[in-house]
């Protein structure tokens, strides 16, 4: 796995406070949407995990679970991004750029948007891989712009090449001009020899998502979102 770019150290007390708030927020978000991705996560990260975050590294907590017939892989990943929460949030809603933020993604498209209270329900079609290794599915995303939280799950009413998936993103301020991005996912890629062999790789790829967001936002995204407003609007398909 490539190492994430280093970022400047932040004050430990500030880091710990934000991390506690973020993990607690994740637990509430996941429970509310019945994902249970981070239900066993402690209320704060370890000292070593905190040190690694301060150095700009990706921190991952892999998870493997069996729920009935489901064989789930995934976990939770933490990343500090050297950009404001508004910029990171805007990037997470910008579907045309998902190919730069999701591993092996070749196509992403918003197929439906529905207002939901102060937020939005968005259905997005996704396609990963090429040739015989193509995997396609649809995610239903519950977007809360006030909290900057996104919960997603497989839309099994539409065609899908994977058996199950749940997850979330949460965006929190982390010192001056920086963001703590936390991502959680559990997924069952399905049966078959090919998918069984790829299962460990799927887990590794999935948990790289926050680092890929960091790389994009701190790279070409700096120019794409340089004029992001203080409160970025929800972006529709374009």
C-alpha atoms as a PDB file:
ATOM      1  CA  UNK A   1       0.000   0.000   0.000  1.00  0.00           C
ATOM      2  CA  UNK A   2       1.291   3.449  -0.867  1.00  0.00           C
ATOM      3  CA  UNK A   3       2.078   5.684   2.072  1.00  0.00           C
ATOM      4  CA  UNK A   4      -0.046   8.792   2.429  1.00  0.00           C
ATOM      5  CA  UNK A   5       1.625  12.212   2.271  1.00  0.00           C
ATOM      6  CA  UNK A   6       2.751  13.564   5.606  1.00  0.00           C
ATOM      7  CA  UNK A   7       0.923  16.467   7.227  1.00  0.00           C
ATOM      8  CA  UNK A   8       1.944  18.862   9.958  1.00  0.00           C
ATOM      9  CA  UNK A   9       1.439  17.692  13.539  1.00  0.00           C
ATOM     10  CA  UNK A  10      -1.521  19.041  15.452  1.00  0.00           C
ATOM     11  CA  UNK A  11      -1.905  19.502  19.184  1.00  0.00           C
ATOM     12  CA  UNK A  12      -2.535  16.101  20.841  1.00  0.00           C
ATOM     13  CA  UNK A  13      -5.308  17.410  23.061  1.00  0.00           C
ATOM     14  CA  UNK A  14      -7.177  18.851  20.071  1.00  0.00           C
ATOM     15  CA  UNK A  15      -6.661  15.635  18.103  1.00  0.00           C
ATOM     16  CA  UNK A  16      -7.978  13.429  20.884  1.00  0.00           C
ATOM     17  CA  UNK A  17     -11.070  15.566  21.389  1.00  0.00           C
ATOM     18  CA  UNK A  18     -11.978  15.513  17.724  1.00  0.00           C
ATOM     19  CA  UNK A  19     -11.310  11.785  17.419  1.00  0.00           C
ATOM     20  CA  UNK A  20     -13.544  10.972  20.377  1.00  0.00           C
ATOM     21  CA  UNK A  21     -16.337  13.091  18.894  1.00  0.00           C
ATOM     22  CA  UNK A  22     -15.893  11.537  15.471  1.00  0.00           C
ATOM     23  CA  UNK A  23     -15.981   7.934  16.661  1.00  0.00           C
ATOM     24  CA  UNK A  24     -19.027   8.604  18.844  1.00  0.00           C
ATOM     25  CA  UNK A  25     -20.736  10.301  15.900  1.00  0.00           C
ATOM     26  CA  UNK A  26     -19.920   7.294  13.742  1.00  0.00           C
ATOM     27  CA  UNK A  27     -21.448   4.897  16.225  1.00  0.00           C
ATOM     28  CA  UNK A  28     -24.656   6.944  16.328  1.00  0.00           C
ATOM     29  CA  UNK A  29     -24.798   7.266  12.546  1.00  0.00           C
ATOM     30  CA  UNK A  30     -24.204   3.587  11.959  1.00  0.00           C
ATOM     31  CA  UNK A  31     -26.781   2.536  14.528  1.00  0.00           C
ATOM     32  CA  UNK A  32     -29.354   4.899  13.078  1.00  0.00           C
ATOM     33  CA  UNK A  33     -28.964   3.332   9.646  1.00  0.00           C
ATOM     34  CA  UNK A  34     -28.630  -0.268  10.914  1.00  0.00           C
ATOM     35  CA  UNK A  35     -25.155  -0.739   9.457  1.00  0.00           C
ATOM     36  CA  UNK A  36     -23.394  -1.782  12.672  1.00  0.00           C
ATOM     37  CA  UNK A  37     -20.017  -1.186  10.991  1.00  0.00           C
ATOM     38  CA  UNK A  38     -18.365   0.420  14.014  1.00  0.00           C
ATOM     39  CA  UNK A  39     -20.527  -0.776  16.877  1.00  0.00           C
ATOM     40  CA  UNK A  40     -17.537  -2.126  18.798  1.00  0.00           C
ATOM     41  CA  UNK A  41     -15.226   0.838  18.152  1.00  0.00           C
ATOM     42  CA  UNK A  42     -13.806   2.351  21.372  1.00  0.00           C
ATOM     43  CA  UNK A  43     -14.533   5.950  22.246  1.00  0.00           C
ATOM     44  CA  UNK A  44     -10.999   7.022  21.333  1.00  0.00           C
ATOM     45  CA  UNK A  45      -8.079   5.809  19.267  1.00  0.00           C
ATOM     46  CA  UNK A  46      -4.909   4.402  20.760  1.00  0.00           C
ATOM     47  CA  UNK A  47      -1.886   6.587  21.328  1.00  0.00           C
ATOM     48  CA  UNK A  48      -0.089   4.856  18.451  1.00  0.00           C
ATOM     49  CA  UNK A  49      -3.039   5.394  16.103  1.00  0.00           C
ATOM     50  CA  UNK A  50      -3.167   9.047  17.091  1.00  0.00           C
ATOM     51  CA  UNK A  51       0.561   9.438  16.466  1.00  0.00           C
ATOM     52  CA  UNK A  52       0.205   7.882  13.016  1.00  0.00           C
ATOM     53  CA  UNK A  53      -2.683  10.172  12.138  1.00  0.00           C
ATOM     54  CA  UNK A  54      -0.611  13.194  13.138  1.00  0.00           C
ATOM     55  CA  UNK A  55       2.096  12.006  10.733  1.00  0.00           C
ATOM     56  CA  UNK A  56      -0.417  11.910   7.879  1.00  0.00           C
ATOM     57  CA  UNK A  57      -0.764   8.118   7.804  1.00  0.00           C
ATOM     58  CA  UNK A  58      -3.912   6.141   7.148  1.00  0.00           C
ATOM     59  CA  UNK A  59      -5.169   4.281  10.223  1.00  0.00           C
ATOM     60  CA  UNK A  60      -7.258   1.170   9.548  1.00  0.00           C
ATOM     61  CA  UNK A  61      -9.176  -1.281  11.723  1.00  0.00           C
ATOM     62  CA  UNK A  62     -10.016  -4.301   9.543  1.00  0.00           C
ATOM     63  CA  UNK A  63     -13.083  -6.373  10.358  1.00  0.00           C
ATOM     64  CA  UNK A  64     -14.204  -9.817   9.215  1.00  0.00           C
ATOM     65  CA  UNK A  65     -17.653 -10.992  10.261  1.00  0.00           C
ATOM     66  CA  UNK A  66     -20.071 -13.792   9.630  1.00  0.00           C
ATOM     67  CA  UNK A  67     -23.788 -12.912   9.803  1.00  0.00           C
ATOM     68  CA  UNK A  68     -25.943 -15.800   8.793  1.00  0.00           C
ATOM     69  CA  UNK A  69     -25.052 -16.532   5.184  1.00  0.00           C
ATOM     70  CA  UNK A  70     -23.125 -13.283   4.805  1.00  0.00           C
ATOM     71  CA  UNK A  71     -19.318 -13.311   4.899  1.00  0.00           C
ATOM     72  CA  UNK A  72     -18.508  -9.660   5.489  1.00  0.00           C
ATOM     73  CA  UNK A  73     -15.161  -7.902   5.101  1.00  0.00           C
ATOM     74  CA  UNK A  74     -14.309  -4.275   5.723  1.00  0.00           C
ATOM     75  CA  UNK A  75     -13.683  -2.181   8.810  1.00  0.00           C
ATOM     76  CA  UNK A  76     -13.064   1.441   9.694  1.00  0.00           C
ATOM     77  CA  UNK A  77     -10.387   3.794   8.346  1.00  0.00           C
ATOM     78  CA  UNK A  78      -9.257   7.208   9.612  1.00  0.00           C
ATOM     79  CA  UNK A  79      -7.353   9.904   7.717  1.00  0.00           C
ATOM     80  CA  UNK A  80      -6.421  13.536   8.366  1.00  0.00           C
ATOM     81  CA  UNK A  81      -6.786  15.628   5.194  1.00  0.00           C
ATOM     82  CA  UNK A  82      -5.013  18.958   4.726  1.00  0.00           C
ATOM     83  CA  UNK A  83      -8.134  20.761   3.545  1.00  0.00           C
ATOM     84  CA  UNK A  84     -11.174  22.280   5.192  1.00  0.00           C
ATOM     85  CA  UNK A  85     -14.244  20.151   6.011  1.00  0.00           C
ATOM     86  CA  UNK A  86     -16.237  22.131   3.420  1.00  0.00           C
ATOM     87  CA  UNK A  87     -13.804  21.143   0.675  1.00  0.00           C
ATOM     88  CA  UNK A  88     -13.706  17.470   1.696  1.00  0.00           C
ATOM     89  CA  UNK A  89     -17.514  17.373   1.963  1.00  0.00           C
ATOM     90  CA  UNK A  90     -17.920  18.917  -1.474  1.00  0.00           C
ATOM     91  CA  UNK A  91     -15.558  16.320  -2.956  1.00  0.00           C
ATOM     92  CA  UNK A  92     -17.501  13.432  -1.384  1.00  0.00           C
ATOM     93  CA  UNK A  93     -20.668  14.665  -3.105  1.00  0.00           C
ATOM     94  CA  UNK A  94     -19.037  15.207  -6.488  1.00  0.00           C
ATOM     95  CA  UNK A  95     -19.905  11.937  -8.249  1.00  0.00           C
ATOM     96  CA  UNK A  96     -18.019  12.673 -11.521  1.00  0.00           C
ATOM     97  CA  UNK A  97     -14.765  12.573  -9.531  1.00  0.00           C
ATOM     98  CA  UNK A  98     -15.450   9.308  -7.703  1.00  0.00           C
ATOM     99  CA  UNK A  99     -13.021   7.567 -10.066  1.00  0.00           C
ATOM    100  CA  UNK A 100     -10.240   9.454  -8.295  1.00  0.00           C
ATOM    101  CA  UNK A 101     -11.513   8.564  -4.822  1.00  0.00           C
ATOM    102  CA  UNK A 102     -12.695   4.939  -5.071  1.00  0.00           C
ATOM    103  CA  UNK A 103     -10.377   2.022  -5.940  1.00  0.00           C
ATOM    104  CA  UNK A 104     -10.625   0.408  -9.375  1.00  0.00           C
ATOM    105  CA  UNK A 105     -13.714   2.490 -10.193  1.00  0.00           C
ATOM    106  CA  UNK A 106     -14.392   3.005 -13.898  1.00  0.00           C
ATOM    107  CA  UNK A 107     -17.857   4.580 -13.825  1.00  0.00           C
ATOM    108  CA  UNK A 108     -20.152   6.392 -11.366  1.00  0.00           C
ATOM    109  CA  UNK A 109     -23.466   8.080 -12.060  1.00  0.00           C
ATOM    110  CA  UNK A 110     -26.281   9.570  -9.999  1.00  0.00           C
ATOM    111  CA  UNK A 111     -29.500   7.909 -11.145  1.00  0.00           C
ATOM    112  CA  UNK A 112     -31.928   9.413  -8.636  1.00  0.00           C
ATOM    113  CA  UNK A 113     -32.085  12.169  -6.021  1.00  0.00           C
ATOM    114  CA  UNK A 114     -34.906  12.661  -3.543  1.00  0.00           C
ATOM    115  CA  UNK A 115     -35.179  15.362  -0.844  1.00  0.00           C
ATOM    116  CA  UNK A 116     -35.237  13.855   2.640  1.00  0.00           C
ATOM    117  CA  UNK A 117     -35.860  16.397   5.394  1.00  0.00           C
ATOM    118  CA  UNK A 118     -32.916  18.791   5.399  1.00  0.00           C
ATOM    119  CA  UNK A 119     -30.856  16.262   3.459  1.00  0.00           C
ATOM    120  CA  UNK A 120     -31.073  14.030   0.458  1.00  0.00           C
ATOM    121  CA  UNK A 121     -31.377  10.409  -0.609  1.00  0.00           C
ATOM    122  CA  UNK A 122     -29.204   9.714  -3.629  1.00  0.00           C
ATOM    123  CA  UNK A 123     -28.954   6.491  -5.636  1.00  0.00           C
ATOM    124  CA  UNK A 124     -25.614   6.057  -7.407  1.00  0.00           C
ATOM    125  CA  UNK A 125     -24.594   3.372  -9.894  1.00  0.00           C
ATOM    126  CA  UNK A 126     -20.991   2.164  -9.585  1.00  0.00           C
ATOM    127  CA  UNK A 127     -18.813  -0.075 -11.735  1.00  0.00           C
ATOM    128  CA  UNK A 128     -15.394  -1.399 -10.671  1.00  0.00           C
ATOM    129  CA  UNK A 129     -12.784  -3.303 -12.655  1.00  0.00           C
ATOM    130  CA  UNK A 130     -12.441  -4.254 -16.298  1.00  0.00           C
ATOM    131  CA  UNK A 131     -13.007  -7.267 -18.519  1.00  0.00           C
ATOM    132  CA  UNK A 132     -14.128 -10.411 -16.651  1.00  0.00           C
ATOM    133  CA  UNK A 133     -13.474  -8.707 -13.292  1.00  0.00           C
ATOM    134  CA  UNK A 134     -16.196  -6.036 -13.658  1.00  0.00           C
ATOM    135  CA  UNK A 135     -18.491  -5.577 -10.648  1.00  0.00           C
ATOM    136  CA  UNK A 136     -21.566  -3.331 -10.875  1.00  0.00           C
ATOM    137  CA  UNK A 137     -24.069  -2.303  -8.233  1.00  0.00           C
ATOM    138  CA  UNK A 138     -26.157   0.603  -6.909  1.00  0.00           C
ATOM    139  CA  UNK A 139     -25.787   2.348  -3.554  1.00  0.00           C
ATOM    140  CA  UNK A 140     -28.505   4.245  -1.736  1.00  0.00           C
ATOM    141  CA  UNK A 141     -26.874   7.182   0.066  1.00  0.00           C
ATOM    142  CA  UNK A 142     -28.467   9.109   2.938  1.00  0.00           C
ATOM    143  CA  UNK A 143     -26.817  12.533   2.941  1.00  0.00           C
ATOM    144  CA  UNK A 144     -26.926  14.847   5.972  1.00  0.00           C
ATOM    145  CA  UNK A 145     -25.269  18.147   4.968  1.00  0.00           C
ATOM    146  CA  UNK A 146     -25.727  19.729   8.397  1.00  0.00           C
ATOM    147  CA  UNK A 147     -23.706  17.029  10.161  1.00  0.00           C
ATOM    148  CA  UNK A 148     -21.606  16.238   7.067  1.00  0.00           C
ATOM    149  CA  UNK A 149     -22.478  12.563   7.383  1.00  0.00           C
ATOM    150  CA  UNK A 150     -23.216  10.050   4.628  1.00  0.00           C
ATOM    151  CA  UNK A 151     -24.630   6.576   5.275  1.00  0.00           C
ATOM    152  CA  UNK A 152     -24.875   4.153   2.359  1.00  0.00           C
ATOM    153  CA  UNK A 153     -26.136   0.650   1.688  1.00  0.00           C
ATOM    154  CA  UNK A 154     -26.527  -1.644  -1.289  1.00  0.00           C
ATOM    155  CA  UNK A 155     -29.778  -1.012  -3.179  1.00  0.00           C
ATOM    156  CA  UNK A 156     -30.783  -4.639  -3.627  1.00  0.00           C
ATOM    157  CA  UNK A 157     -33.909  -3.648  -5.574  1.00  0.00           C
ATOM    158  CA  UNK A 158     -31.609  -2.951  -8.529  1.00  0.00           C
ATOM    159  CA  UNK A 159     -29.150  -5.246 -10.370  1.00  0.00           C
ATOM    160  CA  UNK A 160     -26.070  -5.990  -8.255  1.00  0.00           C
ATOM    161  CA  UNK A 161     -22.993  -8.200  -8.530  1.00  0.00           C
ATOM    162  CA  UNK A 162     -22.243  -8.140  -4.802  1.00  0.00           C
ATOM    163  CA  UNK A 163     -24.301  -9.737  -2.059  1.00  0.00           C
ATOM    164  CA  UNK A 164     -24.401  -6.967   0.574  1.00  0.00           C
ATOM    165  CA  UNK A 165     -22.792  -3.668   1.590  1.00  0.00           C
ATOM    166  CA  UNK A 166     -23.270  -1.008   4.265  1.00  0.00           C
ATOM    167  CA  UNK A 167     -21.117   1.909   5.318  1.00  0.00           C
ATOM    168  CA  UNK A 168     -20.623   5.557   6.106  1.00  0.00           C
ATOM    169  CA  UNK A 169     -18.449   8.632   5.719  1.00  0.00           C
ATOM    170  CA  UNK A 170     -18.178  11.325   8.333  1.00  0.00           C
ATOM    171  CA  UNK A 171     -16.343  14.633   7.990  1.00  0.00           C
ATOM    172  CA  UNK A 172     -15.159  16.568  11.054  1.00  0.00           C
ATOM    173  CA  UNK A 173     -12.900  19.611  11.608  1.00  0.00           C
ATOM    174  CA  UNK A 174      -9.444  18.716  12.891  1.00  0.00           C
ATOM    175  CA  UNK A 175      -7.439  21.778  13.731  1.00  0.00           C
ATOM    176  CA  UNK A 176      -7.012  24.867  11.559  1.00  0.00           C
ATOM    177  CA  UNK A 177      -7.838  24.130   7.927  1.00  0.00           C
ATOM    178  CA  UNK A 178      -7.749  20.349   8.342  1.00  0.00           C
ATOM    179  CA  UNK A 179     -10.311  17.548   8.328  1.00  0.00           C
ATOM    180  CA  UNK A 180     -10.687  14.189   9.988  1.00  0.00           C
ATOM    181  CA  UNK A 181     -12.318  11.845   7.476  1.00  0.00           C
ATOM    182  CA  UNK A 182     -13.612   8.529   8.802  1.00  0.00           C
ATOM    183  CA  UNK A 183     -14.917   5.788   6.548  1.00  0.00           C
ATOM    184  CA  UNK A 184     -16.516   2.500   7.513  1.00  0.00           C
ATOM    185  CA  UNK A 185     -17.734  -0.371   5.372  1.00  0.00           C
ATOM    186  CA  UNK A 186     -18.850  -3.987   5.573  1.00  0.00           C
ATOM    187  CA  UNK A 187     -19.452  -5.881   2.345  1.00  0.00           C
ATOM    188  CA  UNK A 188     -19.936  -9.400   1.061  1.00  0.00           C
ATOM    189  CA  UNK A 189     -18.495  -9.585  -2.477  1.00  0.00           C
ATOM    190  CA  UNK A 190     -20.445 -12.807  -3.129  1.00  0.00           C
ATOM    191  CA  UNK A 191     -19.597 -16.395  -4.009  1.00  0.00           C
ATOM    192  CA  UNK A 192     -17.431 -17.948  -6.700  1.00  0.00           C
ATOM    193  CA  UNK A 193     -13.771 -18.854  -6.895  1.00  0.00           C
ATOM    194  CA  UNK A 194     -12.752 -15.515  -8.392  1.00  0.00           C
ATOM    195  CA  UNK A 195     -14.499 -13.461  -5.701  1.00  0.00           C
ATOM    196  CA  UNK A 196     -13.230 -15.735  -2.920  1.00  0.00           C
ATOM    197  CA  UNK A 197      -9.645 -15.252  -4.059  1.00  0.00           C
ATOM    198  CA  UNK A 198     -10.123 -11.491  -4.295  1.00  0.00           C
ATOM    199  CA  UNK A 199     -11.830 -11.118  -0.908  1.00  0.00           C
ATOM    200  CA  UNK A 200      -8.667  -9.991   1.000  1.00  0.00           C
ATOM    201  CA  UNK A 201      -7.838  -7.529  -1.788  1.00  0.00           C
ATOM    202  CA  UNK A 202     -11.367  -6.118  -1.669  1.00  0.00           C
ATOM    203  CA  UNK A 203     -10.925  -5.383   2.032  1.00  0.00           C
ATOM    204  CA  UNK A 204      -7.563  -3.701   1.495  1.00  0.00           C
ATOM    205  CA  UNK A 205      -8.864  -1.610  -1.412  1.00  0.00           C
ATOM    206  CA  UNK A 206     -11.979  -0.537   0.477  1.00  0.00           C
ATOM    207  CA  UNK A 207     -10.051   0.666   3.515  1.00  0.00           C
ATOM    208  CA  UNK A 208      -7.814   2.809   1.290  1.00  0.00           C
ATOM    209  CA  UNK A 209     -10.738   5.094   0.416  1.00  0.00           C
ATOM    210  CA  UNK A 210      -9.904   7.899   2.933  1.00  0.00           C
ATOM    211  CA  UNK A 211      -6.301   7.980   1.682  1.00  0.00           C
ATOM    212  CA  UNK A 212      -7.524   8.197  -1.923  1.00  0.00           C
ATOM    213  CA  UNK A 213      -9.816  11.084  -0.953  1.00  0.00           C
ATOM    214  CA  UNK A 214      -6.843  12.773   0.719  1.00  0.00           C
ATOM    215  CA  UNK A 215      -4.646  12.297  -2.353  1.00  0.00           C
ATOM    216  CA  UNK A 216      -7.316  13.754  -4.640  1.00  0.00           C
ATOM    217  CA  UNK A 217      -8.313  16.686  -2.423  1.00  0.00           C
ATOM    218  CA  UNK A 218      -4.718  17.662  -1.673  1.00  0.00           C
ATOM    219  CA  UNK A 219      -3.737  17.169  -5.334  1.00  0.00           C
ATOM    220  CA  UNK A 220      -5.859  18.206  -8.316  1.00  0.00           C
ATOM    221  CA  UNK A 221      -8.826  18.819  -6.016  1.00  0.00           C
ATOM    222  CA  UNK A 222      -7.035  21.874  -4.639  1.00  0.00           C
ATOM    223  CA  UNK A 223      -7.767  23.654  -7.901  1.00  0.00           C
ATOM    224  CA  UNK A 224     -11.220  22.159  -8.448  1.00  0.00           C
ATOM    225  CA  UNK A 225     -12.486  23.236  -5.031  1.00  0.00           C
ATOM    226  CA  UNK A 226     -10.348  26.307  -4.359  1.00  0.00           C
ATOM    227  CA  UNK A 227     -13.443  28.526  -4.463  1.00  0.00           C
ATOM    228  CA  UNK A 228     -15.641  26.204  -2.374  1.00  0.00           C
ATOM    229  CA  UNK A 229     -18.106  28.333  -0.365  1.00  0.00           C
ATOM    230  CA  UNK A 230     -18.198  28.206   3.431  1.00  0.00           C
ATOM    231  CA  UNK A 231     -21.287  25.999   3.223  1.00  0.00           C
ATOM    232  CA  UNK A 232     -21.016  23.993  -0.003  1.00  0.00           C
ATOM    233  CA  UNK A 233     -24.395  23.075  -1.513  1.00  0.00           C
ATOM    234  CA  UNK A 234     -25.401  19.532  -2.336  1.00  0.00           C
ATOM    235  CA  UNK A 235     -24.214  18.880  -5.854  1.00  0.00           C
ATOM    236  CA  UNK A 236     -26.529  17.194  -8.307  1.00  0.00           C
ATOM    237  CA  UNK A 237     -25.476  15.047 -11.233  1.00  0.00           C
ATOM    238  CA  UNK A 238     -23.867  16.843 -14.123  1.00  0.00           C
END
